[in-house]
Amino acid sequence: YRLLVPLKPRHGHAFHLELGTTGEMPVRNSRLRVELECTCTREPLVEDMLCFVHHPKEELRRSQCPSLLDTLCTGPYLDLEKTTRWFQVLVKAAWVVLTRLRDCRLRVLPSRRSCKLRLMDTSDSSTLLIEIIFGVQQDDSDTFLSIE
């Protein structure tokens, strides 16, 4: 199976798709630029969430999680390898708490640009391979572009 997981920017961030040089159609060398957005004038979604644009970095570092630019980006662009590693860690951590699936073993397979999983039923040795690819919504349309 191949599953598309839409990525949405967290509060205080925005994604901007930069198309490659071959015109309007998204091409392989398209990139996803991440920008910080001012949240000072918006109604807070999270209590005590500081604005990434207007608060000093030291205060942000002490008070909340770092911005995507500091964790999942290389320069101003979303780094797919960093994002994949982050997602793999989340999947492994979530699997530990899924106690109902004790008869099923999860193995995260090596991959730099997607999250590949092998699920094995220990009772009958059946295997299911799943590849999770990441995508972003194009503007306000129903179109999602995979970022591979």
N, C-alpha and C. Protein backbone atom coordinates (compact mmCIF):
# COMPACT_ATOMS: atom_id res chain seq x y z
N TYR A 1 0.84 -1.18 0.00
CA TYR A 1 0.00 0.00 0.00
C TYR A 1 0.88 1.25 0.00
N ARG A 2 0.38 2.29 -0.63
CA ARG A 2 1.01 3.61 -0.56
C ARG A 2 -0.04 4.58 -0.01
N LEU A 3 0.32 5.26 1.07
CA LEU A 3 -0.59 6.21 1.70
C LEU A 3 -0.01 7.62 1.59
N LEU A 4 -0.87 8.56 1.24
CA LEU A 4 -0.47 9.95 1.20
C LEU A 4 -0.87 10.60 2.52
N VAL A 5 0.09 11.17 3.22
CA VAL A 5 -0.17 11.88 4.46
C VAL A 5 0.02 13.36 4.21
N PRO A 6 -1.08 14.13 4.24
CA PRO A 6 -0.96 15.58 4.00
C PRO A 6 -0.25 16.26 5.18
N LEU A 7 0.71 17.10 4.86
CA LEU A 7 1.40 17.89 5.87
C LEU A 7 0.77 19.27 5.93
N LYS A 8 0.50 19.71 7.12
CA LYS A 8 -0.03 21.06 7.33
C LYS A 8 0.97 21.79 8.23
N PRO A 9 1.21 23.06 7.95
CA PRO A 9 2.15 23.78 8.80
C PRO A 9 1.56 24.00 10.19
N ARG A 10 2.42 23.94 11.18
CA ARG A 10 1.94 24.19 12.54
C ARG A 10 1.68 25.67 12.73
N HIS A 11 1.03 26.01 13.80
CA HIS A 11 0.67 27.39 14.12
C HIS A 11 1.91 28.28 14.04
N GLY A 12 1.78 29.40 13.35
CA GLY A 12 2.90 30.33 13.22
C GLY A 12 3.80 30.06 12.02
N HIS A 13 3.41 29.11 11.17
CA HIS A 13 4.19 28.75 9.99
C HIS A 13 3.29 28.71 8.76
N ALA A 14 3.90 28.85 7.58
CA ALA A 14 3.17 28.73 6.32
C ALA A 14 4.05 27.97 5.34
N PHE A 15 3.41 27.15 4.50
CA PHE A 15 4.10 26.44 3.43
C PHE A 15 3.85 27.17 2.11
N HIS A 16 4.89 27.29 1.31
CA HIS A 16 4.78 27.87 -0.02
C HIS A 16 5.49 26.96 -1.00
N LEU A 17 4.74 26.41 -1.94
CA LEU A 17 5.30 25.53 -2.94
C LEU A 17 6.01 26.38 -4.00
N GLU A 18 7.27 26.09 -4.22
CA GLU A 18 8.03 26.76 -5.28
C GLU A 18 8.24 25.76 -6.39
N LEU A 19 7.61 26.06 -7.54
CA LEU A 19 7.67 25.15 -8.67
C LEU A 19 9.04 25.17 -9.31
N GLY A 20 9.37 24.06 -9.94
CA GLY A 20 10.63 23.95 -10.67
C GLY A 20 10.63 24.83 -11.91
N THR A 21 11.65 24.71 -12.71
CA THR A 21 11.85 25.62 -13.83
C THR A 21 11.08 25.25 -15.09
N THR A 22 10.36 24.13 -15.11
CA THR A 22 9.70 23.72 -16.35
C THR A 22 8.29 24.26 -16.49
N GLY A 23 7.92 25.25 -15.72
CA GLY A 23 6.62 25.87 -15.93
C GLY A 23 5.65 25.65 -14.79
N GLU A 24 4.38 25.62 -15.14
CA GLU A 24 3.32 25.60 -14.14
C GLU A 24 3.15 24.25 -13.45
N MET A 25 3.41 23.17 -14.14
CA MET A 25 3.22 21.86 -13.52
C MET A 25 4.31 21.60 -12.49
N PRO A 26 3.96 21.08 -11.32
CA PRO A 26 4.99 20.74 -10.34
C PRO A 26 5.94 19.69 -10.92
N VAL A 27 7.19 19.89 -10.71
CA VAL A 27 8.19 18.96 -11.22
C VAL A 27 9.07 18.50 -10.07
N ARG A 28 9.94 17.57 -10.38
CA ARG A 28 10.76 16.95 -9.35
C ARG A 28 11.59 17.92 -8.53
N ASN A 29 12.05 18.99 -9.11
CA ASN A 29 12.91 19.91 -8.36
C ASN A 29 12.11 21.04 -7.71
N SER A 30 10.81 20.85 -7.55
CA SER A 30 10.01 21.81 -6.79
C SER A 30 10.38 21.68 -5.31
N ARG A 31 10.23 22.79 -4.59
CA ARG A 31 10.60 22.77 -3.17
C ARG A 31 9.48 23.40 -2.35
N LEU A 32 9.49 23.06 -1.07
CA LEU A 32 8.49 23.59 -0.16
C LEU A 32 9.19 24.54 0.81
N ARG A 33 8.92 25.84 0.62
CA ARG A 33 9.53 26.85 1.48
C ARG A 33 8.65 27.04 2.72
N VAL A 34 9.30 27.15 3.86
CA VAL A 34 8.60 27.36 5.13
C VAL A 34 8.87 28.79 5.59
N GLU A 35 7.81 29.50 5.90
CA GLU A 35 7.94 30.87 6.40
C GLU A 35 7.27 30.97 7.77
N LEU A 36 7.86 31.81 8.59
CA LEU A 36 7.24 32.10 9.88
C LEU A 36 6.17 33.17 9.65
N GLU A 37 5.04 33.03 10.35
CA GLU A 37 3.96 34.00 10.25
C GLU A 37 3.74 34.66 11.59
N CYS A 38 3.44 35.94 11.54
CA CYS A 38 3.12 36.66 12.77
C CYS A 38 1.78 36.16 13.31
N THR A 39 1.77 35.85 14.58
CA THR A 39 0.54 35.39 15.23
C THR A 39 0.08 36.35 16.32
N CYS A 40 0.70 37.51 16.37
CA CYS A 40 0.37 38.48 17.43
C CYS A 40 -1.07 38.95 17.38
N THR A 41 -1.60 39.16 16.18
CA THR A 41 -2.95 39.72 16.07
C THR A 41 -4.03 38.66 15.95
N ARG A 42 -3.63 37.42 15.79
CA ARG A 42 -4.62 36.34 15.70
C ARG A 42 -5.08 35.91 17.07
N GLU A 43 -6.26 35.32 17.10
CA GLU A 43 -6.74 34.74 18.34
C GLU A 43 -5.88 33.51 18.62
N PRO A 44 -5.33 33.40 19.81
CA PRO A 44 -4.42 32.29 20.08
C PRO A 44 -5.13 30.94 20.01
N LEU A 45 -4.51 30.00 19.27
CA LEU A 45 -5.03 28.63 19.22
C LEU A 45 -4.57 27.84 20.43
N VAL A 46 -3.40 28.20 20.91
CA VAL A 46 -2.82 27.52 22.06
C VAL A 46 -2.50 28.59 23.10
N GLU A 47 -2.86 28.31 24.31
CA GLU A 47 -2.61 29.26 25.40
C GLU A 47 -1.11 29.52 25.52
N ASP A 48 -0.73 30.77 25.65
CA ASP A 48 0.66 31.19 25.85
C ASP A 48 1.59 30.84 24.69
N MET A 49 1.06 30.69 23.48
CA MET A 49 1.90 30.43 22.30
C MET A 49 2.52 31.76 21.87
N LEU A 50 3.83 31.81 21.82
CA LEU A 50 4.52 33.04 21.45
C LEU A 50 4.65 33.16 19.94
N CYS A 51 4.76 34.37 19.46
CA CYS A 51 4.93 34.64 18.03
C CYS A 51 6.39 34.38 17.65
N PHE A 52 6.60 33.51 16.67
CA PHE A 52 7.95 33.19 16.21
C PHE A 52 8.63 34.39 15.56
N VAL A 53 7.84 35.32 15.03
CA VAL A 53 8.41 36.46 14.31
C VAL A 53 8.87 37.55 15.28
N HIS A 54 8.10 37.82 16.34
CA HIS A 54 8.35 39.00 17.16
C HIS A 54 8.92 38.75 18.55
N HIS A 55 9.05 37.51 18.97
CA HIS A 55 9.63 37.24 20.28
C HIS A 55 11.10 36.86 20.14
N PRO A 56 11.92 37.25 21.09
CA PRO A 56 13.35 36.90 21.03
C PRO A 56 13.54 35.38 21.03
N LYS A 57 14.54 34.91 20.28
CA LYS A 57 14.80 33.47 20.16
C LYS A 57 15.03 32.82 21.53
N GLU A 58 15.71 33.53 22.43
CA GLU A 58 15.99 32.96 23.75
C GLU A 58 14.69 32.69 24.52
N GLU A 59 13.75 33.62 24.43
CA GLU A 59 12.47 33.44 25.10
C GLU A 59 11.68 32.29 24.48
N LEU A 60 11.72 32.21 23.13
CA LEU A 60 11.04 31.12 22.43
C LEU A 60 11.64 29.78 22.84
N ARG A 61 12.96 29.72 22.90
CA ARG A 61 13.65 28.47 23.23
C ARG A 61 13.27 27.97 24.63
N ARG A 62 13.11 28.92 25.58
CA ARG A 62 12.76 28.54 26.95
C ARG A 62 11.29 28.15 27.09
N SER A 63 10.43 28.75 26.28
CA SER A 63 8.99 28.66 26.51
C SER A 63 8.23 27.65 25.66
N GLN A 64 8.77 27.29 24.49
CA GLN A 64 7.98 26.42 23.61
C GLN A 64 8.88 25.64 22.66
N CYS A 65 8.24 24.78 21.90
CA CYS A 65 8.96 23.97 20.91
C CYS A 65 9.57 24.88 19.86
N PRO A 66 10.71 24.47 19.29
CA PRO A 66 11.33 25.29 18.25
C PRO A 66 10.47 25.34 16.98
N SER A 67 10.78 26.29 16.13
CA SER A 67 10.05 26.42 14.87
C SER A 67 10.45 25.29 13.93
N LEU A 68 9.63 25.09 12.90
CA LEU A 68 9.96 24.09 11.88
C LEU A 68 11.28 24.42 11.20
N LEU A 69 11.57 25.72 11.07
CA LEU A 69 12.84 26.12 10.45
C LEU A 69 14.04 25.59 11.23
N ASP A 70 13.89 25.43 12.54
CA ASP A 70 14.98 24.94 13.38
C ASP A 70 15.02 23.42 13.48
N THR A 71 13.95 22.75 13.08
CA THR A 71 13.89 21.30 13.29
C THR A 71 13.81 20.49 12.00
N LEU A 72 12.93 20.85 11.09
CA LEU A 72 12.67 20.02 9.91
C LEU A 72 13.11 20.66 8.60
N CYS A 73 13.83 21.76 8.68
CA CYS A 73 14.23 22.47 7.46
C CYS A 73 15.74 22.52 7.31
N THR A 74 16.14 22.68 6.08
CA THR A 74 17.51 23.05 5.76
C THR A 74 17.39 24.40 5.07
N GLY A 75 17.89 25.42 5.74
CA GLY A 75 17.63 26.78 5.27
C GLY A 75 16.14 27.04 5.39
N PRO A 76 15.55 27.70 4.40
CA PRO A 76 14.11 27.98 4.49
C PRO A 76 13.23 26.88 3.90
N TYR A 77 13.81 25.74 3.50
CA TYR A 77 13.06 24.70 2.80
C TYR A 77 12.87 23.46 3.67
N LEU A 78 11.69 22.88 3.58
CA LEU A 78 11.40 21.65 4.29
C LEU A 78 12.35 20.57 3.79
N ASP A 79 13.03 19.92 4.71
CA ASP A 79 13.99 18.86 4.38
C ASP A 79 13.26 17.53 4.49
N LEU A 80 13.08 16.84 3.38
CA LEU A 80 12.30 15.62 3.36
C LEU A 80 12.95 14.51 4.19
N GLU A 81 14.27 14.45 4.20
CA GLU A 81 14.94 13.43 5.00
C GLU A 81 14.73 13.67 6.49
N LYS A 82 14.85 14.91 6.94
CA LYS A 82 14.60 15.24 8.36
C LYS A 82 13.14 14.95 8.72
N THR A 83 12.23 15.30 7.81
CA THR A 83 10.81 15.08 8.05
C THR A 83 10.51 13.59 8.13
N THR A 84 11.14 12.80 7.26
CA THR A 84 10.95 11.36 7.27
C THR A 84 11.45 10.76 8.58
N ARG A 85 12.64 11.15 9.02
CA ARG A 85 13.18 10.62 10.30
C ARG A 85 12.26 10.99 11.46
N TRP A 86 11.78 12.24 11.48
CA TRP A 86 10.86 12.68 12.53
C TRP A 86 9.60 11.83 12.54
N PHE A 87 9.03 11.58 11.36
CA PHE A 87 7.81 10.79 11.26
C PHE A 87 8.05 9.34 11.68
N GLN A 88 9.20 8.78 11.31
CA GLN A 88 9.52 7.41 11.70
C GLN A 88 9.59 7.29 13.23
N VAL A 89 10.17 8.27 13.89
CA VAL A 89 10.24 8.27 15.36
C VAL A 89 8.83 8.32 15.95
N LEU A 90 7.95 9.15 15.37
CA LEU A 90 6.57 9.23 15.86
C LEU A 90 5.83 7.90 15.70
N VAL A 91 6.02 7.26 14.55
CA VAL A 91 5.35 5.98 14.29
C VAL A 91 5.82 4.93 15.31
N LYS A 92 7.12 4.85 15.54
CA LYS A 92 7.65 3.88 16.51
C LYS A 92 7.09 4.14 17.91
N ALA A 93 7.05 5.40 18.31
CA ALA A 93 6.54 5.75 19.64
C ALA A 93 5.05 5.42 19.75
N ALA A 94 4.29 5.69 18.70
CA ALA A 94 2.85 5.39 18.73
C ALA A 94 2.61 3.89 18.78
N TRP A 95 3.44 3.13 18.09
CA TRP A 95 3.26 1.68 18.03
C TRP A 95 3.39 1.05 19.42
N VAL A 96 4.27 1.59 20.24
CA VAL A 96 4.50 1.06 21.58
C VAL A 96 3.23 1.11 22.42
N VAL A 97 2.43 2.15 22.24
CA VAL A 97 1.22 2.30 23.06
C VAL A 97 0.01 1.58 22.48
N LEU A 98 0.15 1.02 21.29
CA LEU A 98 -0.97 0.28 20.69
C LEU A 98 -0.95 -1.16 21.19
N THR A 99 -1.41 -1.36 22.40
CA THR A 99 -1.32 -2.68 23.03
C THR A 99 -2.23 -3.72 22.40
N ARG A 100 -3.27 -3.29 21.69
CA ARG A 100 -4.18 -4.25 21.06
C ARG A 100 -3.50 -5.02 19.94
N LEU A 101 -2.40 -4.51 19.43
CA LEU A 101 -1.75 -5.11 18.28
C LEU A 101 -0.52 -5.93 18.69
N ARG A 102 -0.62 -6.64 19.79
CA ARG A 102 0.52 -7.42 20.28
C ARG A 102 0.89 -8.56 19.33
N ASP A 103 -0.05 -9.04 18.54
CA ASP A 103 0.25 -10.12 17.60
C ASP A 103 0.84 -9.60 16.29
N CYS A 104 1.04 -8.31 16.22
CA CYS A 104 1.55 -7.71 14.99
C CYS A 104 2.83 -6.96 15.32
N ARG A 105 3.88 -7.24 14.57
CA ARG A 105 5.16 -6.58 14.78
C ARG A 105 5.37 -5.51 13.71
N LEU A 106 5.91 -4.39 14.14
CA LEU A 106 6.20 -3.29 13.23
C LEU A 106 7.70 -3.19 13.03
N ARG A 107 8.09 -3.01 11.78
CA ARG A 107 9.49 -2.74 11.48
C ARG A 107 9.51 -1.54 10.53
N VAL A 108 10.23 -0.50 10.94
CA VAL A 108 10.41 0.67 10.08
C VAL A 108 11.61 0.37 9.19
N LEU A 109 11.37 0.37 7.89
CA LEU A 109 12.41 0.03 6.93
C LEU A 109 13.22 1.28 6.56
N PRO A 110 14.48 1.09 6.23
CA PRO A 110 15.30 2.25 5.86
C PRO A 110 14.74 2.96 4.63
N SER A 111 14.61 4.26 4.74
CA SER A 111 14.13 5.08 3.63
C SER A 111 14.43 6.53 3.97
N ARG A 112 14.87 7.29 2.98
CA ARG A 112 15.21 8.68 3.22
C ARG A 112 14.12 9.64 2.78
N ARG A 113 13.20 9.21 1.94
CA ARG A 113 12.23 10.14 1.36
C ARG A 113 10.78 9.75 1.59
N SER A 114 10.55 8.67 2.29
CA SER A 114 9.20 8.25 2.67
C SER A 114 9.34 7.38 3.91
N CYS A 115 8.23 7.02 4.49
CA CYS A 115 8.26 6.15 5.67
C CYS A 115 7.76 4.78 5.24
N LYS A 116 8.66 3.81 5.20
CA LYS A 116 8.30 2.47 4.77
C LYS A 116 8.18 1.58 6.00
N LEU A 117 7.05 0.89 6.08
CA LEU A 117 6.75 0.06 7.24
C LEU A 117 6.48 -1.37 6.80
N ARG A 118 6.91 -2.32 7.61
CA ARG A 118 6.55 -3.72 7.41
C ARG A 118 5.82 -4.17 8.66
N LEU A 119 4.58 -4.61 8.46
CA LEU A 119 3.78 -5.16 9.55
C LEU A 119 3.71 -6.66 9.36
N MET A 120 4.02 -7.39 10.43
CA MET A 120 3.99 -8.83 10.33
C MET A 120 3.11 -9.40 11.43
N ASP A 121 2.16 -10.21 11.01
CA ASP A 121 1.28 -10.89 11.96
C ASP A 121 2.05 -12.10 12.48
N THR A 122 2.35 -12.10 13.77
CA THR A 122 3.16 -13.19 14.33
C THR A 122 2.39 -14.50 14.42
N SER A 123 1.06 -14.46 14.34
CA SER A 123 0.29 -15.70 14.45
C SER A 123 0.31 -16.50 13.14
N ASP A 124 0.37 -15.82 12.00
CA ASP A 124 0.37 -16.57 10.74
C ASP A 124 1.48 -16.13 9.77
N SER A 125 2.37 -15.26 10.22
CA SER A 125 3.53 -14.79 9.44
C SER A 125 3.14 -14.02 8.18
N SER A 126 1.91 -13.53 8.09
CA SER A 126 1.56 -12.70 6.94
C SER A 126 2.21 -11.32 7.10
N THR A 127 2.52 -10.72 5.97
CA THR A 127 3.25 -9.44 5.97
C THR A 127 2.50 -8.42 5.14
N LEU A 128 2.52 -7.20 5.62
CA LEU A 128 1.91 -6.08 4.92
C LEU A 128 2.97 -4.98 4.81
N LEU A 129 3.23 -4.53 3.58
CA LEU A 129 4.17 -3.44 3.36
C LEU A 129 3.39 -2.16 3.10
N ILE A 130 3.79 -1.09 3.78
CA ILE A 130 3.13 0.20 3.65
C ILE A 130 4.19 1.26 3.42
N GLU A 131 3.97 2.10 2.42
CA GLU A 131 4.85 3.24 2.20
C GLU A 131 4.02 4.50 2.40
N ILE A 132 4.47 5.32 3.33
CA ILE A 132 3.79 6.58 3.61
C ILE A 132 4.57 7.69 2.94
N ILE A 133 3.91 8.39 2.03
CA ILE A 133 4.54 9.53 1.36
C ILE A 133 3.86 10.79 1.86
N PHE A 134 4.60 11.87 1.82
CA PHE A 134 4.11 13.13 2.34
C PHE A 134 3.66 14.03 1.20
N GLY A 135 2.65 14.84 1.47
CA GLY A 135 2.14 15.74 0.45
C GLY A 135 1.66 17.03 1.07
N VAL A 136 1.44 18.00 0.20
CA VAL A 136 0.89 19.28 0.63
C VAL A 136 -0.27 19.65 -0.28
N GLN A 137 -1.22 20.36 0.29
CA GLN A 137 -2.37 20.81 -0.47
C GLN A 137 -1.97 21.98 -1.34
N GLN A 138 -2.39 21.96 -2.59
CA GLN A 138 -2.08 23.06 -3.50
C GLN A 138 -3.16 24.12 -3.38
N ASP A 139 -2.77 25.26 -2.85
CA ASP A 139 -3.68 26.39 -2.61
C ASP A 139 -4.88 25.90 -1.79
N ASP A 140 -6.09 26.29 -2.17
CA ASP A 140 -7.29 25.84 -1.44
C ASP A 140 -8.04 24.79 -2.24
N SER A 141 -7.34 24.09 -3.12
CA SER A 141 -7.98 23.11 -3.99
C SER A 141 -8.05 21.74 -3.32
N ASP A 142 -8.61 20.79 -4.02
CA ASP A 142 -8.64 19.40 -3.56
C ASP A 142 -7.44 18.63 -4.08
N THR A 143 -6.44 19.34 -4.59
CA THR A 143 -5.25 18.72 -5.16
C THR A 143 -4.14 18.68 -4.13
N PHE A 144 -3.56 17.50 -3.97
CA PHE A 144 -2.42 17.33 -3.09
C PHE A 144 -1.23 16.89 -3.92
N LEU A 145 -0.09 17.50 -3.65
CA LEU A 145 1.13 17.16 -4.37
C LEU A 145 2.05 16.39 -3.44
N SER A 146 2.52 15.25 -3.91
CA SER A 146 3.45 14.49 -3.08
C SER A 146 4.81 15.15 -3.14
N ILE A 147 5.50 15.12 -2.01
CA ILE A 147 6.85 15.66 -1.96
C ILE A 147 7.79 14.49 -1.78
N GLU A 148 8.26 14.00 -2.89
CA GLU A 148 9.15 12.85 -2.90
C GLU A 148 10.49 13.31 -3.39
